[in-house]
Amino acid sequence: MIYLDTSVALAQLLAEDRRPPPGLWEERLVASRLLEYEMWTRLHARDLSRSHGDALRLLLARVSFLELSREVLARALHPFPGTVRTLDALHLASAAWLREQGTSIVIATYDERMRTIAAGMGLELYAGVDE
């Protein structure tokens, strides 16, 4: 299962120069519910909700969402192997919680800091979004 980070979802939605391979969207995707809020906030901030809203809804429909449960939030209270931003900590805690439940997780992110921390946590990185 691939944990979809906001950086990859935004790159796809906004047709940035760096985009994930088409095969990514055929995989089983999971993300924290936080992804939905981050995506809509970014679209609204750029005044793109009208032009990109339908595409975002379609993208989000491909993702299974993990709620920010007490267990996930509790993991975010523990140290990470490096400096991590709050929202990244919540994403990484979500992925770590899934792994603790026995789910094989691969992280898809363009965020170099998040890649470093995920690797330090022993989480596998999705090769299709390598630099």
N, C-alpha and C. Protein backbone atom coordinates (compact mmCIF):
# COMPACT_ATOMS: atom_id res chain seq x y z
N MET A 1 0.85 -1.17 0.00
CA MET A 1 0.00 0.00 0.00
C MET A 1 0.90 1.23 0.00
N ILE A 2 0.51 2.25 -0.73
CA ILE A 2 1.32 3.46 -0.83
C ILE A 2 0.67 4.58 -0.03
N TYR A 3 1.46 5.16 0.87
CA TYR A 3 1.01 6.32 1.65
C TYR A 3 1.28 7.56 0.81
N LEU A 4 0.23 8.26 0.45
CA LEU A 4 0.32 9.42 -0.43
C LEU A 4 0.50 10.70 0.37
N ASP A 5 1.62 11.36 0.16
CA ASP A 5 1.89 12.64 0.81
C ASP A 5 1.32 13.77 -0.03
N THR A 6 1.03 14.86 0.61
CA THR A 6 0.46 16.03 -0.04
C THR A 6 1.33 16.55 -1.18
N SER A 7 2.64 16.47 -1.03
CA SER A 7 3.53 16.99 -2.07
C SER A 7 3.32 16.28 -3.40
N VAL A 8 3.08 14.99 -3.36
CA VAL A 8 2.86 14.21 -4.58
C VAL A 8 1.47 14.48 -5.14
N ALA A 9 0.48 14.55 -4.28
CA ALA A 9 -0.88 14.83 -4.73
C ALA A 9 -0.97 16.21 -5.38
N LEU A 10 -0.32 17.19 -4.78
CA LEU A 10 -0.32 18.55 -5.35
C LEU A 10 0.39 18.59 -6.69
N ALA A 11 1.51 17.89 -6.80
CA ALA A 11 2.25 17.86 -8.06
C ALA A 11 1.38 17.31 -9.18
N GLN A 12 0.61 16.28 -8.87
CA GLN A 12 -0.29 15.69 -9.86
C GLN A 12 -1.41 16.66 -10.21
N LEU A 13 -2.06 17.20 -9.21
CA LEU A 13 -3.22 18.06 -9.42
C LEU A 13 -2.86 19.33 -10.17
N LEU A 14 -1.72 19.90 -9.85
CA LEU A 14 -1.34 21.19 -10.44
C LEU A 14 -0.43 21.03 -11.64
N ALA A 15 -0.26 19.79 -12.11
CA ALA A 15 0.55 19.51 -13.30
C ALA A 15 1.92 20.18 -13.23
N GLU A 16 2.58 19.99 -12.11
CA GLU A 16 3.91 20.56 -11.93
C GLU A 16 4.92 19.82 -12.80
N ASP A 17 6.10 20.39 -12.94
CA ASP A 17 7.16 19.76 -13.74
C ASP A 17 7.46 18.35 -13.26
N ARG A 18 7.48 18.17 -11.96
CA ARG A 18 7.76 16.88 -11.35
C ARG A 18 6.43 16.25 -10.96
N ARG A 19 6.08 15.16 -11.65
CA ARG A 19 4.81 14.48 -11.39
C ARG A 19 5.06 12.99 -11.21
N PRO A 20 4.21 12.35 -10.42
CA PRO A 20 4.38 10.91 -10.20
C PRO A 20 4.06 10.13 -11.47
N PRO A 21 4.60 8.93 -11.58
CA PRO A 21 4.30 8.11 -12.76
C PRO A 21 2.82 7.72 -12.77
N PRO A 22 2.24 7.55 -13.96
CA PRO A 22 0.81 7.20 -14.04
C PRO A 22 0.44 5.95 -13.26
N GLY A 23 1.37 5.00 -13.16
CA GLY A 23 1.11 3.77 -12.43
C GLY A 23 0.79 3.95 -10.96
N LEU A 24 1.24 5.06 -10.39
CA LEU A 24 0.96 5.32 -8.98
C LEU A 24 -0.53 5.31 -8.71
N TRP A 25 -1.30 5.87 -9.62
CA TRP A 25 -2.74 6.03 -9.42
C TRP A 25 -3.51 4.73 -9.58
N GLU A 26 -2.83 3.66 -9.98
CA GLU A 26 -3.45 2.35 -10.08
C GLU A 26 -3.16 1.51 -8.84
N GLU A 27 -2.31 2.02 -7.97
CA GLU A 27 -1.94 1.33 -6.73
C GLU A 27 -2.99 1.59 -5.65
N ARG A 28 -2.91 0.81 -4.58
CA ARG A 28 -3.75 1.08 -3.40
C ARG A 28 -3.12 2.24 -2.66
N LEU A 29 -3.85 3.34 -2.55
CA LEU A 29 -3.35 4.55 -1.92
C LEU A 29 -4.05 4.79 -0.59
N VAL A 30 -3.28 5.25 0.37
CA VAL A 30 -3.82 5.59 1.68
C VAL A 30 -3.16 6.88 2.12
N ALA A 31 -3.87 7.64 2.92
CA ALA A 31 -3.33 8.88 3.49
C ALA A 31 -4.12 9.24 4.74
N SER A 32 -3.53 10.07 5.54
CA SER A 32 -4.25 10.64 6.66
C SER A 32 -5.35 11.54 6.10
N ARG A 33 -6.45 11.65 6.82
CA ARG A 33 -7.52 12.57 6.44
C ARG A 33 -6.97 13.99 6.28
N LEU A 34 -5.85 14.24 6.91
CA LEU A 34 -5.17 15.53 6.81
C LEU A 34 -4.91 15.92 5.35
N LEU A 35 -4.64 14.95 4.49
CA LEU A 35 -4.39 15.22 3.07
C LEU A 35 -5.53 16.01 2.45
N GLU A 36 -6.75 15.61 2.72
CA GLU A 36 -7.92 16.29 2.16
C GLU A 36 -7.94 17.76 2.55
N TYR A 37 -7.67 18.05 3.82
CA TYR A 37 -7.70 19.42 4.30
C TYR A 37 -6.54 20.25 3.73
N GLU A 38 -5.38 19.63 3.65
CA GLU A 38 -4.24 20.34 3.08
C GLU A 38 -4.48 20.68 1.61
N MET A 39 -5.03 19.74 0.88
CA MET A 39 -5.26 19.96 -0.55
C MET A 39 -6.27 21.08 -0.79
N TRP A 40 -7.39 21.02 -0.10
CA TRP A 40 -8.40 22.07 -0.28
C TRP A 40 -7.87 23.44 0.16
N THR A 41 -7.11 23.47 1.24
CA THR A 41 -6.55 24.73 1.72
C THR A 41 -5.62 25.34 0.68
N ARG A 42 -4.79 24.50 0.05
CA ARG A 42 -3.87 24.99 -0.98
C ARG A 42 -4.63 25.49 -2.21
N LEU A 43 -5.67 24.76 -2.60
CA LEU A 43 -6.46 25.22 -3.76
C LEU A 43 -7.14 26.55 -3.46
N HIS A 44 -7.74 26.67 -2.30
CA HIS A 44 -8.40 27.92 -1.93
C HIS A 44 -7.40 29.07 -1.87
N ALA A 45 -6.22 28.82 -1.32
CA ALA A 45 -5.19 29.86 -1.20
C ALA A 45 -4.75 30.38 -2.56
N ARG A 46 -4.76 29.49 -3.56
CA ARG A 46 -4.35 29.88 -4.92
C ARG A 46 -5.55 30.26 -5.80
N ASP A 47 -6.72 30.31 -5.20
CA ASP A 47 -7.96 30.63 -5.90
C ASP A 47 -8.19 29.69 -7.08
N LEU A 48 -7.95 28.39 -6.84
CA LEU A 48 -8.09 27.38 -7.88
C LEU A 48 -9.22 26.39 -7.61
N SER A 49 -10.03 26.64 -6.59
CA SER A 49 -11.05 25.65 -6.24
C SER A 49 -12.09 25.47 -7.34
N ARG A 50 -12.41 26.50 -8.07
CA ARG A 50 -13.38 26.36 -9.18
C ARG A 50 -12.78 25.60 -10.36
N SER A 51 -11.57 25.95 -10.71
CA SER A 51 -10.95 25.33 -11.89
C SER A 51 -10.41 23.93 -11.61
N HIS A 52 -10.03 23.63 -10.37
CA HIS A 52 -9.41 22.35 -10.05
C HIS A 52 -10.21 21.50 -9.06
N GLY A 53 -11.34 22.01 -8.60
CA GLY A 53 -12.12 21.31 -7.58
C GLY A 53 -12.58 19.93 -8.00
N ASP A 54 -13.09 19.80 -9.22
CA ASP A 54 -13.55 18.48 -9.68
C ASP A 54 -12.39 17.49 -9.79
N ALA A 55 -11.27 17.96 -10.29
CA ALA A 55 -10.09 17.09 -10.40
C ALA A 55 -9.62 16.67 -9.01
N LEU A 56 -9.70 17.57 -8.05
CA LEU A 56 -9.30 17.21 -6.68
C LEU A 56 -10.25 16.16 -6.12
N ARG A 57 -11.53 16.34 -6.33
CA ARG A 57 -12.49 15.34 -5.83
C ARG A 57 -12.20 13.96 -6.42
N LEU A 58 -11.87 13.90 -7.70
CA LEU A 58 -11.54 12.62 -8.34
C LEU A 58 -10.26 12.03 -7.76
N LEU A 59 -9.26 12.87 -7.54
CA LEU A 59 -8.01 12.40 -6.95
C LEU A 59 -8.26 11.84 -5.54
N LEU A 60 -9.01 12.58 -4.73
CA LEU A 60 -9.28 12.15 -3.36
C LEU A 60 -10.11 10.87 -3.32
N ALA A 61 -10.95 10.65 -4.33
CA ALA A 61 -11.77 9.44 -4.38
C ALA A 61 -10.92 8.19 -4.56
N ARG A 62 -9.70 8.34 -5.03
CA ARG A 62 -8.80 7.19 -5.22
C ARG A 62 -8.07 6.80 -3.95
N VAL A 63 -8.20 7.59 -2.91
CA VAL A 63 -7.43 7.42 -1.68
C VAL A 63 -8.31 6.89 -0.55
N SER A 64 -7.80 5.89 0.18
CA SER A 64 -8.44 5.45 1.42
C SER A 64 -7.89 6.33 2.53
N PHE A 65 -8.77 6.82 3.38
CA PHE A 65 -8.34 7.75 4.41
C PHE A 65 -8.29 7.12 5.79
N LEU A 66 -7.23 7.46 6.50
CA LEU A 66 -7.04 7.07 7.88
C LEU A 66 -7.36 8.29 8.74
N GLU A 67 -8.28 8.12 9.66
CA GLU A 67 -8.64 9.23 10.53
C GLU A 67 -7.54 9.48 11.56
N LEU A 68 -7.49 10.68 12.06
CA LEU A 68 -6.50 11.03 13.08
C LEU A 68 -7.03 10.56 14.44
N SER A 69 -6.92 9.27 14.67
CA SER A 69 -7.40 8.65 15.90
C SER A 69 -6.46 8.97 17.07
N ARG A 70 -6.90 8.63 18.25
CA ARG A 70 -6.05 8.82 19.44
C ARG A 70 -4.73 8.09 19.30
N GLU A 71 -4.77 6.89 18.73
CA GLU A 71 -3.56 6.07 18.58
C GLU A 71 -2.57 6.73 17.62
N VAL A 72 -3.09 7.26 16.53
CA VAL A 72 -2.22 7.94 15.55
C VAL A 72 -1.65 9.21 16.18
N LEU A 73 -2.50 9.98 16.83
CA LEU A 73 -2.03 11.21 17.46
C LEU A 73 -1.03 10.92 18.58
N ALA A 74 -1.22 9.82 19.29
CA ALA A 74 -0.28 9.46 20.35
C ALA A 74 1.10 9.17 19.77
N ARG A 75 1.16 8.55 18.59
CA ARG A 75 2.46 8.27 17.96
C ARG A 75 3.17 9.57 17.62
N ALA A 76 2.41 10.58 17.23
CA ALA A 76 3.01 11.87 16.87
C ALA A 76 3.64 12.58 18.07
N LEU A 77 3.31 12.16 19.28
CA LEU A 77 3.89 12.75 20.49
C LEU A 77 5.28 12.23 20.79
N HIS A 78 5.65 11.11 20.16
CA HIS A 78 6.97 10.52 20.39
C HIS A 78 8.00 11.18 19.48
N PRO A 79 9.26 11.08 19.84
CA PRO A 79 10.32 11.69 19.02
C PRO A 79 10.42 11.04 17.64
N PHE A 80 10.90 11.83 16.72
CA PHE A 80 11.19 11.37 15.36
C PHE A 80 12.71 11.45 15.18
N PRO A 81 13.25 10.71 14.23
CA PRO A 81 14.71 10.71 14.03
C PRO A 81 15.18 11.94 13.26
N GLY A 82 14.86 13.09 13.77
CA GLY A 82 15.24 14.36 13.13
C GLY A 82 14.15 15.39 13.33
N THR A 83 14.42 16.59 12.88
CA THR A 83 13.46 17.68 13.01
C THR A 83 12.33 17.48 12.01
N VAL A 84 11.12 17.52 12.52
CA VAL A 84 9.95 17.28 11.68
C VAL A 84 8.91 18.37 11.94
N ARG A 85 8.28 18.82 10.87
CA ARG A 85 7.21 19.81 11.00
C ARG A 85 5.94 19.11 11.49
N THR A 86 5.04 19.87 12.07
CA THR A 86 3.85 19.31 12.71
C THR A 86 3.01 18.46 11.76
N LEU A 87 2.65 18.98 10.60
CA LEU A 87 1.80 18.22 9.69
C LEU A 87 2.52 16.99 9.16
N ASP A 88 3.82 17.10 8.91
CA ASP A 88 4.60 15.93 8.50
C ASP A 88 4.62 14.88 9.61
N ALA A 89 4.73 15.34 10.85
CA ALA A 89 4.71 14.41 11.98
C ALA A 89 3.40 13.62 12.01
N LEU A 90 2.30 14.29 11.71
CA LEU A 90 1.01 13.60 11.69
C LEU A 90 0.93 12.60 10.54
N HIS A 91 1.46 12.97 9.38
CA HIS A 91 1.49 12.03 8.26
C HIS A 91 2.38 10.83 8.59
N LEU A 92 3.56 11.09 9.11
CA LEU A 92 4.49 10.00 9.44
C LEU A 92 3.94 9.12 10.57
N ALA A 93 3.27 9.73 11.53
CA ALA A 93 2.65 8.95 12.60
C ALA A 93 1.55 8.05 12.03
N SER A 94 0.83 8.55 11.05
CA SER A 94 -0.21 7.74 10.40
C SER A 94 0.40 6.54 9.70
N ALA A 95 1.46 6.77 8.95
CA ALA A 95 2.14 5.68 8.25
C ALA A 95 2.73 4.68 9.24
N ALA A 96 3.34 5.19 10.30
CA ALA A 96 3.93 4.31 11.32
C ALA A 96 2.85 3.47 11.99
N TRP A 97 1.71 4.08 12.27
CA TRP A 97 0.61 3.35 12.91
C TRP A 97 0.12 2.23 11.99
N LEU A 98 -0.03 2.53 10.71
CA LEU A 98 -0.45 1.49 9.76
C LEU A 98 0.55 0.33 9.75
N ARG A 99 1.83 0.67 9.75
CA ARG A 99 2.86 -0.38 9.77
C ARG A 99 2.74 -1.21 11.04
N GLU A 100 2.51 -0.55 12.17
CA GLU A 100 2.36 -1.27 13.44
C GLU A 100 1.16 -2.22 13.42
N GLN A 101 0.19 -1.92 12.57
CA GLN A 101 -0.99 -2.78 12.43
C GLN A 101 -0.74 -3.93 11.45
N GLY A 102 0.46 -3.99 10.90
CA GLY A 102 0.82 -5.07 10.00
C GLY A 102 0.64 -4.75 8.52
N THR A 103 0.35 -3.51 8.20
CA THR A 103 0.20 -3.09 6.81
C THR A 103 1.56 -2.74 6.23
N SER A 104 1.85 -3.27 5.07
CA SER A 104 3.09 -2.94 4.37
C SER A 104 2.90 -1.57 3.71
N ILE A 105 3.68 -0.59 4.14
CA ILE A 105 3.52 0.79 3.70
C ILE A 105 4.77 1.27 2.98
N VAL A 106 4.55 1.98 1.87
CA VAL A 106 5.62 2.64 1.12
C VAL A 106 5.21 4.11 1.03
N ILE A 107 6.12 5.02 1.35
CA ILE A 107 5.82 6.46 1.38
C ILE A 107 6.13 7.09 0.03
N ALA A 108 5.15 7.80 -0.54
CA ALA A 108 5.36 8.57 -1.76
C ALA A 108 5.34 10.05 -1.39
N THR A 109 6.52 10.68 -1.43
CA THR A 109 6.65 12.09 -1.09
C THR A 109 7.76 12.73 -1.89
N TYR A 110 7.59 14.00 -2.21
CA TYR A 110 8.64 14.79 -2.84
C TYR A 110 9.38 15.64 -1.80
N ASP A 111 8.87 15.68 -0.59
CA ASP A 111 9.43 16.49 0.48
C ASP A 111 10.70 15.82 1.00
N GLU A 112 11.84 16.43 0.76
CA GLU A 112 13.13 15.81 1.12
C GLU A 112 13.26 15.61 2.63
N ARG A 113 12.79 16.54 3.42
CA ARG A 113 12.86 16.38 4.88
C ARG A 113 12.01 15.19 5.32
N MET A 114 10.83 15.08 4.75
CA MET A 114 9.96 13.96 5.10
C MET A 114 10.57 12.63 4.64
N ARG A 115 11.21 12.63 3.49
CA ARG A 115 11.88 11.41 2.98
C ARG A 115 12.97 10.97 3.96
N THR A 116 13.74 11.91 4.44
CA THR A 116 14.83 11.61 5.37
C THR A 116 14.30 11.03 6.67
N ILE A 117 13.26 11.67 7.22
CA ILE A 117 12.70 11.20 8.49
C ILE A 117 12.05 9.83 8.30
N ALA A 118 11.31 9.64 7.20
CA ALA A 118 10.65 8.35 6.94
C ALA A 118 11.71 7.25 6.85
N ALA A 119 12.78 7.50 6.13
CA ALA A 119 13.85 6.51 6.02
C ALA A 119 14.45 6.22 7.39
N GLY A 120 14.62 7.26 8.19
CA GLY A 120 15.15 7.08 9.55
C GLY A 120 14.23 6.27 10.44
N MET A 121 12.95 6.24 10.09
CA MET A 121 11.96 5.46 10.84
C MET A 121 11.87 4.03 10.30
N GLY A 122 12.64 3.76 9.25
CA GLY A 122 12.59 2.43 8.65
C GLY A 122 11.44 2.24 7.69
N LEU A 123 10.82 3.34 7.28
CA LEU A 123 9.73 3.26 6.30
C LEU A 123 10.32 3.24 4.90
N GLU A 124 9.76 2.41 4.05
CA GLU A 124 10.22 2.31 2.67
C GLU A 124 9.72 3.51 1.87
N LEU A 125 10.55 3.97 0.94
CA LEU A 125 10.19 5.10 0.08
C LEU A 125 9.79 4.60 -1.30
N TYR A 126 8.76 5.19 -1.85
CA TYR A 126 8.28 4.83 -3.19
C TYR A 126 9.27 5.34 -4.23
N ALA A 127 9.86 4.42 -4.96
CA ALA A 127 10.93 4.76 -5.92
C ALA A 127 10.42 5.59 -7.09
N GLY A 128 9.15 5.53 -7.40
CA GLY A 128 8.61 6.25 -8.56
C GLY A 128 8.63 7.76 -8.42
N VAL A 129 8.93 8.26 -7.23
CA VAL A 129 8.99 9.71 -7.03
C VAL A 129 10.37 10.16 -6.58
N ASP A 130 11.39 9.35 -6.88
CA ASP A 130 12.76 9.74 -6.55
C ASP A 130 13.12 11.01 -7.29
N GLU A 131 14.03 11.72 -6.70
CA GLU A 131 14.52 12.96 -7.34
C GLU A 131 15.24 12.63 -8.61
